[in-house]
């Protein structure tokens, strides 16, 4: 049974995706980034947890996503192509509009990611 998800900044993944609009999350098959202890393979999540960041938007060194080897790795490139997602655009929106406004926008538009052009 699909649950209704409210906008919540806790549903923003470390990489900028919005877990609250993900089908697996809404169907109860995923706990989302924040609660997914099995995601130790995710270098982005590990880096953010290590530094105490909510997401890459909090990283002072994250001016250009292409410069970050953890954010811009082969797995993320494949993910971006398959899901037509643009996590860098999500991080940019968080930096510009803040977490609350980002979560509201993603929730209201039912988006897991800003779509890649």
PDB file of N, CA and C in Angstrom:
ATOM      1  N   UNK A   1       0.842  -1.186   0.000  1.00  0.00           N
ATOM      2  CA  UNK A   1       0.000   0.000   0.000  1.00  0.00           C
ATOM      3  C   UNK A   1       0.884   1.246   0.000  1.00  0.00           C
ATOM      4  N   UNK A   2       0.613   2.146  -0.922  1.00  0.00           N
ATOM      5  CA  UNK A   2       1.438   3.349  -1.049  1.00  0.00           C
ATOM      6  C   UNK A   2       1.023   4.367   0.013  1.00  0.00           C
ATOM      7  N   UNK A   3       2.012   4.871   0.729  1.00  0.00           N
ATOM      8  CA  UNK A   3       1.739   5.855   1.762  1.00  0.00           C
ATOM      9  C   UNK A   3       1.828   7.273   1.199  1.00  0.00           C
ATOM     10  N   UNK A   4       1.122   8.197   1.822  1.00  0.00           N
ATOM     11  CA  UNK A   4       1.197   9.595   1.439  1.00  0.00           C
ATOM     12  C   UNK A   4       2.386  10.208   2.157  1.00  0.00           C
ATOM     13  N   UNK A   5       3.208  10.916   1.423  1.00  0.00           N
ATOM     14  CA  UNK A   5       4.408  11.504   1.993  1.00  0.00           C
ATOM     15  C   UNK A   5       4.239  13.019   2.083  1.00  0.00           C
ATOM     16  N   UNK A   6       4.511  13.543   3.239  1.00  0.00           N
ATOM     17  CA  UNK A   6       4.496  14.984   3.432  1.00  0.00           C
ATOM     18  C   UNK A   6       5.870  15.533   3.082  1.00  0.00           C
ATOM     19  N   UNK A   7       5.924  16.829   2.830  1.00  0.00           N
ATOM     20  CA  UNK A   7       7.241  17.429   2.596  1.00  0.00           C
ATOM     21  C   UNK A   7       8.018  17.381   3.902  1.00  0.00           C
ATOM     22  N   UNK A   8       9.276  17.011   3.790  1.00  0.00           N
ATOM     23  CA  UNK A   8      10.085  16.836   4.987  1.00  0.00           C
ATOM     24  C   UNK A   8      11.552  16.936   4.584  1.00  0.00           C
ATOM     25  N   UNK A   9      12.288  17.836   5.204  1.00  0.00           N
ATOM     26  CA  UNK A   9      13.698  17.990   4.855  1.00  0.00           C
ATOM     27  C   UNK A   9      14.499  16.733   5.205  1.00  0.00           C
ATOM     28  N   UNK A  10      13.991  15.891   6.103  1.00  0.00           N
ATOM     29  CA  UNK A  10      14.671  14.644   6.437  1.00  0.00           C
ATOM     30  C   UNK A  10      14.611  13.641   5.285  1.00  0.00           C
ATOM     31  N   UNK A  11      13.769  13.913   4.288  1.00  0.00           N
ATOM     32  CA  UNK A  11      13.648  13.021   3.135  1.00  0.00           C
ATOM     33  C   UNK A  11      14.546  13.455   1.974  1.00  0.00           C
ATOM     34  N   UNK A  12      15.397  14.457   2.212  1.00  0.00           N
ATOM     35  CA  UNK A  12      16.372  14.872   1.202  1.00  0.00           C
ATOM     36  C   UNK A  12      17.611  14.002   1.387  1.00  0.00           C
ATOM     37  N   UNK A  13      17.977  13.288   0.321  1.00  0.00           N
ATOM     38  CA  UNK A  13      19.159  12.429   0.378  1.00  0.00           C
ATOM     39  C   UNK A  13      20.423  13.282   0.434  1.00  0.00           C
ATOM     40  N   UNK A  14      21.497  12.701   0.884  1.00  0.00           N
ATOM     41  CA  UNK A  14      22.779  13.406   0.994  1.00  0.00           C
ATOM     42  C   UNK A  14      23.242  13.952  -0.348  1.00  0.00           C
ATOM     43  N   UNK A  15      22.883  13.274  -1.440  1.00  0.00           N
ATOM     44  CA  UNK A  15      23.299  13.686  -2.782  1.00  0.00           C
ATOM     45  C   UNK A  15      22.330  14.675  -3.423  1.00  0.00           C
ATOM     46  N   UNK A  16      21.222  14.995  -2.743  1.00  0.00           N
ATOM     47  CA  UNK A  16      20.276  15.962  -3.271  1.00  0.00           C
ATOM     48  C   UNK A  16      18.999  15.372  -3.828  1.00  0.00           C
ATOM     49  N   UNK A  17      18.906  14.059  -3.963  1.00  0.00           N
ATOM     50  CA  UNK A  17      17.652  13.457  -4.414  1.00  0.00           C
ATOM     51  C   UNK A  17      16.611  13.604  -3.311  1.00  0.00           C
ATOM     52  N   UNK A  18      15.324  13.530  -3.693  1.00  0.00           N
ATOM     53  CA  UNK A  18      14.256  13.653  -2.708  1.00  0.00           C
ATOM     54  C   UNK A  18      13.583  12.300  -2.519  1.00  0.00           C
ATOM     55  N   UNK A  19      13.914  11.625  -1.434  1.00  0.00           N
ATOM     56  CA  UNK A  19      13.403  10.282  -1.157  1.00  0.00           C
ATOM     57  C   UNK A  19      11.877  10.256  -1.023  1.00  0.00           C
ATOM     58  N   UNK A  20      11.290  11.349  -0.596  1.00  0.00           N
ATOM     59  CA  UNK A  20       9.849  11.404  -0.376  1.00  0.00           C
ATOM     60  C   UNK A  20       9.011  11.177  -1.614  1.00  0.00           C
ATOM     61  N   UNK A  21       9.589  11.322  -2.791  1.00  0.00           N
ATOM     62  CA  UNK A  21       8.849  11.107  -4.034  1.00  0.00           C
ATOM     63  C   UNK A  21       9.248   9.799  -4.720  1.00  0.00           C
ATOM     64  N   UNK A  22      10.081   9.017  -4.076  1.00  0.00           N
ATOM     65  CA  UNK A  22      10.556   7.754  -4.648  1.00  0.00           C
ATOM     66  C   UNK A  22       9.519   6.653  -4.411  1.00  0.00           C
ATOM     67  N   UNK A  23       9.227   5.897  -5.444  1.00  0.00           N
ATOM     68  CA  UNK A  23       8.254   4.811  -5.347  1.00  0.00           C
ATOM     69  C   UNK A  23       8.616   3.774  -4.300  1.00  0.00           C
ATOM     70  N   UNK A  24       9.893   3.397  -4.212  1.00  0.00           N
ATOM     71  CA  UNK A  24      10.312   2.407  -3.215  1.00  0.00           C
ATOM     72  C   UNK A  24      10.084   2.924  -1.802  1.00  0.00           C
ATOM     73  N   UNK A  25      10.373   4.209  -1.592  1.00  0.00           N
ATOM     74  CA  UNK A  25      10.160   4.789  -0.268  1.00  0.00           C
ATOM     75  C   UNK A  25       8.667   4.820   0.046  1.00  0.00           C
ATOM     76  N   UNK A  26       7.873   5.270  -0.909  1.00  0.00           N
ATOM     77  CA  UNK A  26       6.431   5.384  -0.676  1.00  0.00           C
ATOM     78  C   UNK A  26       5.779   4.025  -0.477  1.00  0.00           C
ATOM     79  N   UNK A  27       6.359   2.972  -1.053  1.00  0.00           N
ATOM     80  CA  UNK A  27       5.829   1.620  -0.880  1.00  0.00           C
ATOM     81  C   UNK A  27       6.400   0.908   0.335  1.00  0.00           C
ATOM     82  N   UNK A  28       7.230   1.600   1.107  1.00  0.00           N
ATOM     83  CA  UNK A  28       7.792   1.019   2.311  1.00  0.00           C
ATOM     84  C   UNK A  28       8.925   0.035   2.067  1.00  0.00           C
ATOM     85  N   UNK A  29       9.491   0.049   0.851  1.00  0.00           N
ATOM     86  CA  UNK A  29      10.570  -0.885   0.516  1.00  0.00           C
ATOM     87  C   UNK A  29      11.952  -0.276   0.698  1.00  0.00           C
ATOM     88  N   UNK A  30      12.011   0.984   1.099  1.00  0.00           N
ATOM     89  CA  UNK A  30      13.275   1.669   1.344  1.00  0.00           C
ATOM     90  C   UNK A  30      13.054   2.662   2.481  1.00  0.00           C
ATOM     91  N   UNK A  31      14.054   2.805   3.317  1.00  0.00           N
ATOM     92  CA  UNK A  31      13.941   3.738   4.447  1.00  0.00           C
ATOM     93  C   UNK A  31      14.377   5.147   4.070  1.00  0.00           C
ATOM     94  N   UNK A  32      14.840   5.325   2.831  1.00  0.00           N
ATOM     95  CA  UNK A  32      15.374   6.621   2.433  1.00  0.00           C
ATOM     96  C   UNK A  32      16.838   6.712   2.815  1.00  0.00           C
ATOM     97  N   UNK A  33      17.505   7.708   2.332  1.00  0.00           N
ATOM     98  CA  UNK A  33      18.944   7.859   2.550  1.00  0.00           C
ATOM     99  C   UNK A  33      19.298   7.935   4.033  1.00  0.00           C
ATOM    100  N   UNK A  34      18.605   8.766   4.762  1.00  0.00           N
ATOM    101  CA  UNK A  34      18.953   9.007   6.167  1.00  0.00           C
ATOM    102  C   UNK A  34      18.875   7.738   7.013  1.00  0.00           C
ATOM    103  N   UNK A  35      17.896   6.906   6.762  1.00  0.00           N
ATOM    104  CA  UNK A  35      17.713   5.706   7.571  1.00  0.00           C
ATOM    105  C   UNK A  35      18.286   4.440   6.980  1.00  0.00           C
ATOM    106  N   UNK A  36      18.951   4.534   5.843  1.00  0.00           N
ATOM    107  CA  UNK A  36      19.432   3.345   5.150  1.00  0.00           C
ATOM    108  C   UNK A  36      20.840   2.960   5.602  1.00  0.00           C
ATOM    109  N   UNK A  37      20.912   2.215   6.688  1.00  0.00           N
ATOM    110  CA  UNK A  37      22.201   1.782   7.225  1.00  0.00           C
ATOM    111  C   UNK A  37      22.931   0.828   6.283  1.00  0.00           C
ATOM    112  N   UNK A  38      22.197   0.176   5.373  1.00  0.00           N
ATOM    113  CA  UNK A  38      22.805  -0.755   4.417  1.00  0.00           C
ATOM    114  C   UNK A  38      23.552  -0.019   3.307  1.00  0.00           C
ATOM    115  N   UNK A  39      23.386   1.284   3.209  1.00  0.00           N
ATOM    116  CA  UNK A  39      23.993   2.063   2.120  1.00  0.00           C
ATOM    117  C   UNK A  39      25.427   2.468   2.430  1.00  0.00           C
ATOM    118  N   UNK A  40      26.158   1.613   3.116  1.00  0.00           N
ATOM    119  CA  UNK A  40      27.553   1.929   3.425  1.00  0.00           C
ATOM    120  C   UNK A  40      28.401   1.994   2.154  1.00  0.00           C
ATOM    121  N   UNK A  41      27.907   1.433   1.058  1.00  0.00           N
ATOM    122  CA  UNK A  41      28.593   1.482  -0.234  1.00  0.00           C
ATOM    123  C   UNK A  41      28.579   2.882  -0.836  1.00  0.00           C
ATOM    124  N   UNK A  42      27.658   3.737  -0.377  1.00  0.00           N
ATOM    125  CA  UNK A  42      27.510   5.074  -0.972  1.00  0.00           C
ATOM    126  C   UNK A  42      28.551   6.026  -0.396  1.00  0.00           C
ATOM    127  N   UNK A  43      29.502   6.396  -1.224  1.00  0.00           N
ATOM    128  CA  UNK A  43      30.594   7.288  -0.797  1.00  0.00           C
ATOM    129  C   UNK A  43      30.079   8.682  -0.455  1.00  0.00           C
ATOM    130  N   UNK A  44      29.045   9.122  -1.152  1.00  0.00           N
ATOM    131  CA  UNK A  44      28.464  10.445  -0.881  1.00  0.00           C
ATOM    132  C   UNK A  44      27.842  10.466   0.511  1.00  0.00           C
ATOM    133  N   UNK A  45      27.050   9.450   0.805  1.00  0.00           N
ATOM    134  CA  UNK A  45      26.405   9.353   2.120  1.00  0.00           C
ATOM    135  C   UNK A  45      27.464   9.281   3.214  1.00  0.00           C
ATOM    136  N   UNK A  46      28.472   8.418   3.021  1.00  0.00           N
ATOM    137  CA  UNK A  46      29.533   8.258   4.019  1.00  0.00           C
ATOM    138  C   UNK A  46      30.268   9.574   4.282  1.00  0.00           C
ATOM    139  N   UNK A  47      30.593  10.292   3.224  1.00  0.00           N
ATOM    140  CA  UNK A  47      31.304  11.565   3.356  1.00  0.00           C
ATOM    141  C   UNK A  47      30.465  12.582   4.141  1.00  0.00           C
ATOM    142  N   UNK A  48      29.185  12.672   3.817  1.00  0.00           N
ATOM    143  CA  UNK A  48      28.309  13.612   4.513  1.00  0.00           C
ATOM    144  C   UNK A  48      28.162  13.253   5.986  1.00  0.00           C
ATOM    145  N   UNK A  49      28.008  11.978   6.280  1.00  0.00           N
ATOM    146  CA  UNK A  49      27.898  11.548   7.677  1.00  0.00           C
ATOM    147  C   UNK A  49      29.189  11.838   8.435  1.00  0.00           C
ATOM    148  N   UNK A  50      30.310  11.577   7.788  1.00  0.00           N
ATOM    149  CA  UNK A  50      31.624  11.814   8.402  1.00  0.00           C
ATOM    150  C   UNK A  50      31.817  13.287   8.764  1.00  0.00           C
ATOM    151  N   UNK A  51      31.322  14.178   7.909  1.00  0.00           N
ATOM    152  CA  UNK A  51      31.490  15.620   8.135  1.00  0.00           C
ATOM    153  C   UNK A  51      30.311  16.274   8.859  1.00  0.00           C
ATOM    154  N   UNK A  52      29.265  15.518   9.122  1.00  0.00           N
ATOM    155  CA  UNK A  52      28.104  16.064   9.818  1.00  0.00           C
ATOM    156  C   UNK A  52      27.226  16.946   8.940  1.00  0.00           C
ATOM    157  N   UNK A  53      27.265  16.736   7.635  1.00  0.00           N
ATOM    158  CA  UNK A  53      26.466  17.536   6.696  1.00  0.00           C
ATOM    159  C   UNK A  53      25.097  16.902   6.483  1.00  0.00           C
ATOM    160  N   UNK A  54      24.099  17.738   6.232  1.00  0.00           N
ATOM    161  CA  UNK A  54      22.787  17.250   5.829  1.00  0.00           C
ATOM    162  C   UNK A  54      22.823  16.759   4.388  1.00  0.00           C
ATOM    163  N   UNK A  55      23.608  17.439   3.562  1.00  0.00           N
ATOM    164  CA  UNK A  55      23.794  17.053   2.159  1.00  0.00           C
ATOM    165  C   UNK A  55      25.053  17.734   1.641  1.00  0.00           C
ATOM    166  N   UNK A  56      25.391  17.455   0.400  1.00  0.00           N
ATOM    167  CA  UNK A  56      26.553  18.094  -0.230  1.00  0.00           C
ATOM    168  C   UNK A  56      26.396  19.617  -0.301  1.00  0.00           C
ATOM    169  N   UNK A  57      25.183  20.112  -0.161  1.00  0.00           N
ATOM    170  CA  UNK A  57      24.950  21.556  -0.180  1.00  0.00           C
ATOM    171  C   UNK A  57      25.647  22.251   0.999  1.00  0.00           C
ATOM    172  N   UNK A  58      25.906  21.515   2.066  1.00  0.00           N
ATOM    173  CA  UNK A  58      26.562  22.086   3.244  1.00  0.00           C
ATOM    174  C   UNK A  58      28.082  22.102   3.136  1.00  0.00           C
ATOM    175  N   UNK A  59      28.617  21.404   2.138  1.00  0.00           N
ATOM    176  CA  UNK A  59      30.070  21.286   1.988  1.00  0.00           C
ATOM    177  C   UNK A  59      30.659  22.571   1.407  1.00  0.00           C
ATOM    178  N   UNK A  60      31.599  23.149   2.126  1.00  0.00           N
ATOM    179  CA  UNK A  60      32.235  24.399   1.677  1.00  0.00           C
ATOM    180  C   UNK A  60      33.115  24.185   0.447  1.00  0.00           C
ATOM    181  N   UNK A  61      33.581  22.947   0.247  1.00  0.00           N
ATOM    182  CA  UNK A  61      34.445  22.626  -0.890  1.00  0.00           C
ATOM    183  C   UNK A  61      33.669  22.247  -2.136  1.00  0.00           C
ATOM    184  N   UNK A  62      32.339  22.225  -2.048  1.00  0.00           N
ATOM    185  CA  UNK A  62      31.509  21.745  -3.157  1.00  0.00           C
ATOM    186  C   UNK A  62      31.057  22.894  -4.061  1.00  0.00           C
ATOM    187  N   UNK A  63      31.995  23.570  -4.654  1.00  0.00           N
ATOM    188  CA  UNK A  63      31.661  24.661  -5.578  1.00  0.00           C
ATOM    189  C   UNK A  63      31.319  24.097  -6.955  1.00  0.00           C
ATOM    190  N   UNK A  64      32.055  23.075  -7.362  1.00  0.00           N
ATOM    191  CA  UNK A  64      31.845  22.458  -8.663  1.00  0.00           C
ATOM    192  C   UNK A  64      31.732  20.949  -8.463  1.00  0.00           C
ATOM    193  N   UNK A  65      30.552  20.358  -8.739  1.00  0.00           N
ATOM    194  CA  UNK A  65      30.380  18.916  -8.517  1.00  0.00           C
ATOM    195  C   UNK A  65      31.350  18.061  -9.325  1.00  0.00           C
ATOM    196  N   UNK A  66      31.844  18.572 -10.441  1.00  0.00           N
ATOM    197  CA  UNK A  66      32.789  17.804 -11.252  1.00  0.00           C
ATOM    198  C   UNK A  66      34.131  17.636 -10.557  1.00  0.00           C
ATOM    199  N   UNK A  67      34.426  18.490  -9.566  1.00  0.00           N
ATOM    200  CA  UNK A  67      35.685  18.414  -8.836  1.00  0.00           C
ATOM    201  C   UNK A  67      35.659  17.390  -7.702  1.00  0.00           C
ATOM    202  N   UNK A  68      34.474  16.930  -7.325  1.00  0.00           N
ATOM    203  CA  UNK A  68      34.343  15.988  -6.218  1.00  0.00           C
ATOM    204  C   UNK A  68      34.284  14.557  -6.753  1.00  0.00           C
ATOM    205  N   UNK A  69      35.294  13.783  -6.428  1.00  0.00           N
ATOM    206  CA  UNK A  69      35.367  12.403  -6.920  1.00  0.00           C
ATOM    207  C   UNK A  69      34.301  11.512  -6.272  1.00  0.00           C
ATOM    208  N   UNK A  70      33.863  11.858  -5.093  1.00  0.00           N
ATOM    209  CA  UNK A  70      32.822  11.059  -4.438  1.00  0.00           C
ATOM    210  C   UNK A  70      31.458  11.336  -5.065  1.00  0.00           C
ATOM    211  N   UNK A  71      31.197  12.588  -5.396  1.00  0.00           N
ATOM    212  CA  UNK A  71      29.912  12.965  -5.983  1.00  0.00           C
ATOM    213  C   UNK A  71      29.844  12.582  -7.460  1.00  0.00           C
ATOM    214  N   UNK A  72      30.945  12.704  -8.133  1.00  0.00           N
ATOM    215  CA  UNK A  72      31.000  12.517  -9.582  1.00  0.00           C
ATOM    216  C   UNK A  72      31.733  11.209  -9.923  1.00  0.00           C
ATOM    217  N   UNK A  73      31.227  10.086  -9.404  1.00  0.00           N
ATOM    218  CA  UNK A  73      31.854   8.798  -9.672  1.00  0.00           C
ATOM    219  C   UNK A  73      31.074   8.029 -10.737  1.00  0.00           C
ATOM    220  N   UNK A  74      31.576   6.883 -11.137  1.00  0.00           N
ATOM    221  CA  UNK A  74      30.963   6.115 -12.223  1.00  0.00           C
ATOM    222  C   UNK A  74      29.543   5.667 -11.882  1.00  0.00           C
ATOM    223  N   UNK A  75      29.301   5.274 -10.630  1.00  0.00           N
ATOM    224  CA  UNK A  75      27.957   4.849 -10.233  1.00  0.00           C
ATOM    225  C   UNK A  75      26.976   6.007 -10.364  1.00  0.00           C
ATOM    226  N   UNK A  76      27.378   7.184  -9.947  1.00  0.00           N
ATOM    227  CA  UNK A  76      26.481   8.337 -10.036  1.00  0.00           C
ATOM    228  C   UNK A  76      26.227   8.726 -11.486  1.00  0.00           C
ATOM    229  N   UNK A  77      27.212   8.552 -12.347  1.00  0.00           N
ATOM    230  CA  UNK A  77      27.032   8.868 -13.771  1.00  0.00           C
ATOM    231  C   UNK A  77      26.031   7.914 -14.410  1.00  0.00           C
ATOM    232  N   UNK A  78      26.134   6.629 -14.088  1.00  0.00           N
ATOM    233  CA  UNK A  78      25.188   5.644 -14.612  1.00  0.00           C
ATOM    234  C   UNK A  78      23.789   5.949 -14.084  1.00  0.00           C
ATOM    235  N   UNK A  79      23.696   6.217 -12.793  1.00  0.00           N
ATOM    236  CA  UNK A  79      22.415   6.555 -12.164  1.00  0.00           C
ATOM    237  C   UNK A  79      21.778   7.754 -12.856  1.00  0.00           C
ATOM    238  N   UNK A  80      22.563   8.782 -13.129  1.00  0.00           N
ATOM    239  CA  UNK A  80      22.058  10.002 -13.765  1.00  0.00           C
ATOM    240  C   UNK A  80      21.497   9.727 -15.148  1.00  0.00           C
ATOM    241  N   UNK A  81      22.168   8.884 -15.906  1.00  0.00           N
ATOM    242  CA  UNK A  81      21.701   8.559 -17.256  1.00  0.00           C
ATOM    243  C   UNK A  81      20.427   7.723 -17.196  1.00  0.00           C
ATOM    244  N   UNK A  82      20.439   6.673 -16.381  1.00  0.00           N
ATOM    245  CA  UNK A  82      19.294   5.769 -16.291  1.00  0.00           C
ATOM    246  C   UNK A  82      18.039   6.505 -15.813  1.00  0.00           C
ATOM    247  N   UNK A  83      18.187   7.321 -14.781  1.00  0.00           N
ATOM    248  CA  UNK A  83      17.026   8.001 -14.195  1.00  0.00           C
ATOM    249  C   UNK A  83      16.835   9.432 -14.686  1.00  0.00           C
ATOM    250  N   UNK A  84      17.678   9.854 -15.622  1.00  0.00           N
ATOM    251  CA  UNK A  84      17.619  11.215 -16.162  1.00  0.00           C
ATOM    252  C   UNK A  84      17.582  12.243 -15.031  1.00  0.00           C
ATOM    253  N   UNK A  85      18.437  12.021 -14.047  1.00  0.00           N
ATOM    254  CA  UNK A  85      18.459  12.895 -12.875  1.00  0.00           C
ATOM    255  C   UNK A  85      19.657  13.833 -12.923  1.00  0.00           C
ATOM    256  N   UNK A  86      19.511  14.930 -12.249  1.00  0.00           N
ATOM    257  CA  UNK A  86      20.583  15.911 -12.160  1.00  0.00           C
ATOM    258  C   UNK A  86      20.761  16.290 -10.696  1.00  0.00           C
ATOM    259  N   UNK A  87      21.534  15.474  -9.989  1.00  0.00           N
ATOM    260  CA  UNK A  87      21.737  15.707  -8.563  1.00  0.00           C
ATOM    261  C   UNK A  87      22.467  17.016  -8.305  1.00  0.00           C
ATOM    262  N   UNK A  88      23.366  17.395  -9.214  1.00  0.00           N
ATOM    263  CA  UNK A  88      24.082  18.665  -9.049  1.00  0.00           C
ATOM    264  C   UNK A  88      23.099  19.838  -9.073  1.00  0.00           C
ATOM    265  N   UNK A  89      22.087  19.752  -9.932  1.00  0.00           N
ATOM    266  CA  UNK A  89      21.062  20.805  -9.979  1.00  0.00           C
ATOM    267  C   UNK A  89      20.248  20.811  -8.688  1.00  0.00           C
ATOM    268  N   UNK A  90      20.019  19.634  -8.129  1.00  0.00           N
ATOM    269  CA  UNK A  90      19.303  19.554  -6.848  1.00  0.00           C
ATOM    270  C   UNK A  90      20.117  20.236  -5.749  1.00  0.00           C
ATOM    271  N   UNK A  91      21.415  19.943  -5.693  1.00  0.00           N
ATOM    272  CA  UNK A  91      22.283  20.563  -4.685  1.00  0.00           C
ATOM    273  C   UNK A  91      22.320  22.079  -4.879  1.00  0.00           C
ATOM    274  N   UNK A  92      22.393  22.519  -6.137  1.00  0.00           N
ATOM    275  CA  UNK A  92      22.399  23.961  -6.424  1.00  0.00           C
ATOM    276  C   UNK A  92      21.100  24.615  -5.942  1.00  0.00           C
ATOM    277  N   UNK A  93      19.971  23.932  -6.132  1.00  0.00           N
ATOM    278  CA  UNK A  93      18.684  24.483  -5.687  1.00  0.00           C
ATOM    279  C   UNK A  93      18.631  24.554  -4.166  1.00  0.00           C
ATOM    280  N   UNK A  94      19.160  23.545  -3.490  1.00  0.00           N
ATOM    281  CA  UNK A  94      19.191  23.566  -2.022  1.00  0.00           C
ATOM    282  C   UNK A  94      20.018  24.755  -1.547  1.00  0.00           C
ATOM    283  N   UNK A  95      21.178  24.956  -2.168  1.00  0.00           N
ATOM    284  CA  UNK A  95      22.039  26.087  -1.791  1.00  0.00           C
ATOM    285  C   UNK A  95      21.334  27.421  -2.019  1.00  0.00           C
ATOM    286  N   UNK A  96      20.615  27.521  -3.123  1.00  0.00           N
ATOM    287  CA  UNK A  96      19.961  28.781  -3.482  1.00  0.00           C
ATOM    288  C   UNK A  96      18.687  29.039  -2.690  1.00  0.00           C
ATOM    289  N   UNK A  97      17.849  28.019  -2.530  1.00  0.00           N
ATOM    290  CA  UNK A  97      16.512  28.216  -1.945  1.00  0.00           C
ATOM    291  C   UNK A  97      16.378  27.705  -0.511  1.00  0.00           C
ATOM    292  N   UNK A  98      17.326  26.863  -0.073  1.00  0.00           N
ATOM    293  CA  UNK A  98      17.255  26.287   1.264  1.00  0.00           C
ATOM    294  C   UNK A  98      16.542  24.945   1.274  1.00  0.00           C
ATOM    295  N   UNK A  99      16.754  24.199   2.339  1.00  0.00           N
ATOM    296  CA  UNK A  99      16.197  22.851   2.452  1.00  0.00           C
ATOM    297  C   UNK A  99      14.673  22.834   2.460  1.00  0.00           C
ATOM    298  N   UNK A 100      14.060  23.722   3.222  1.00  0.00           N
ATOM    299  CA  UNK A 100      12.592  23.738   3.318  1.00  0.00           C
ATOM    300  C   UNK A 100      11.943  23.987   1.956  1.00  0.00           C
ATOM    301  N   UNK A 101      12.438  24.998   1.241  1.00  0.00           N
ATOM    302  CA  UNK A 101      11.861  25.325  -0.064  1.00  0.00           C
ATOM    303  C   UNK A 101      12.125  24.221  -1.087  1.00  0.00           C
ATOM    304  N   UNK A 102      13.296  23.586  -1.017  1.00  0.00           N
ATOM    305  CA  UNK A 102      13.604  22.483  -1.913  1.00  0.00           C
ATOM    306  C   UNK A 102      12.650  21.317  -1.665  1.00  0.00           C
ATOM    307  N   UNK A 103      12.489  20.933  -0.395  1.00  0.00           N
ATOM    308  CA  UNK A 103      11.588  19.824  -0.051  1.00  0.00           C
ATOM    309  C   UNK A 103      10.165  20.129  -0.489  1.00  0.00           C
ATOM    310  N   UNK A 104       9.719  21.366  -0.292  1.00  0.00           N
ATOM    311  CA  UNK A 104       8.366  21.746  -0.702  1.00  0.00           C
ATOM    312  C   UNK A 104       8.210  21.640  -2.218  1.00  0.00           C
ATOM    313  N   UNK A 105       9.186  22.141  -2.966  1.00  0.00           N
ATOM    314  CA  UNK A 105       9.134  22.092  -4.432  1.00  0.00           C
ATOM    315  C   UNK A 105       9.101  20.648  -4.931  1.00  0.00           C
ATOM    316  N   UNK A 106       9.984  19.823  -4.398  1.00  0.00           N
ATOM    317  CA  UNK A 106      10.056  18.432  -4.843  1.00  0.00           C
ATOM    318  C   UNK A 106       8.773  17.684  -4.492  1.00  0.00           C
ATOM    319  N   UNK A 107       8.261  17.916  -3.289  1.00  0.00           N
ATOM    320  CA  UNK A 107       7.025  17.271  -2.854  1.00  0.00           C
ATOM    321  C   UNK A 107       5.842  17.703  -3.715  1.00  0.00           C
ATOM    322  N   UNK A 108       5.691  19.020  -3.889  1.00  0.00           N
ATOM    323  CA  UNK A 108       4.556  19.545  -4.647  1.00  0.00           C
ATOM    324  C   UNK A 108       4.560  19.087  -6.106  1.00  0.00           C
ATOM    325  N   UNK A 109       5.749  18.867  -6.648  1.00  0.00           N
ATOM    326  CA  UNK A 109       5.861  18.461  -8.051  1.00  0.00           C
ATOM    327  C   UNK A 109       6.079  16.953  -8.207  1.00  0.00           C
ATOM    328  N   UNK A 110       6.095  16.223  -7.102  1.00  0.00           N
ATOM    329  CA  UNK A 110       6.260  14.771  -7.146  1.00  0.00           C
ATOM    330  C   UNK A 110       7.576  14.335  -7.761  1.00  0.00           C
ATOM    331  N   UNK A 111       8.630  15.106  -7.510  1.00  0.00           N
ATOM    332  CA  UNK A 111       9.930  14.830  -8.130  1.00  0.00           C
ATOM    333  C   UNK A 111      10.882  14.166  -7.146  1.00  0.00           C
ATOM    334  N   UNK A 112      11.619  13.194  -7.655  1.00  0.00           N
ATOM    335  CA  UNK A 112      12.707  12.602  -6.879  1.00  0.00           C
ATOM    336  C   UNK A 112      13.989  13.353  -7.192  1.00  0.00           C
ATOM    337  N   UNK A 113      14.078  13.895  -8.402  1.00  0.00           N
ATOM    338  CA  UNK A 113      15.238  14.651  -8.841  1.00  0.00           C
ATOM    339  C   UNK A 113      14.792  15.698  -9.845  1.00  0.00           C
ATOM    340  N   UNK A 114      15.580  16.718  -9.954  1.00  0.00           N
ATOM    341  CA  UNK A 114      15.395  17.649 -11.052  1.00  0.00           C
ATOM    342  C   UNK A 114      15.865  16.882 -12.279  1.00  0.00           C
ATOM    343  N   UNK A 115      15.094  16.922 -13.331  1.00  0.00           N
ATOM    344  CA  UNK A 115      15.407  16.148 -14.528  1.00  0.00           C
ATOM    345  C   UNK A 115      16.570  16.750 -15.295  1.00  0.00           C
ATOM    346  N   UNK A 116      17.402  15.887 -15.781  1.00  0.00           N
ATOM    347  CA  UNK A 116      18.533  16.270 -16.618  1.00  0.00           C
ATOM    348  C   UNK A 116      17.984  16.791 -17.937  1.00  0.00           C
ATOM    349  N   UNK A 117      18.553  17.883 -18.403  1.00  0.00           N
ATOM    350  CA  UNK A 117      18.081  18.496 -19.657  1.00  0.00           C
ATOM    351  C   UNK A 117      18.422  17.625 -20.855  1.00  0.00           C
TER     352      UNK A 117
END
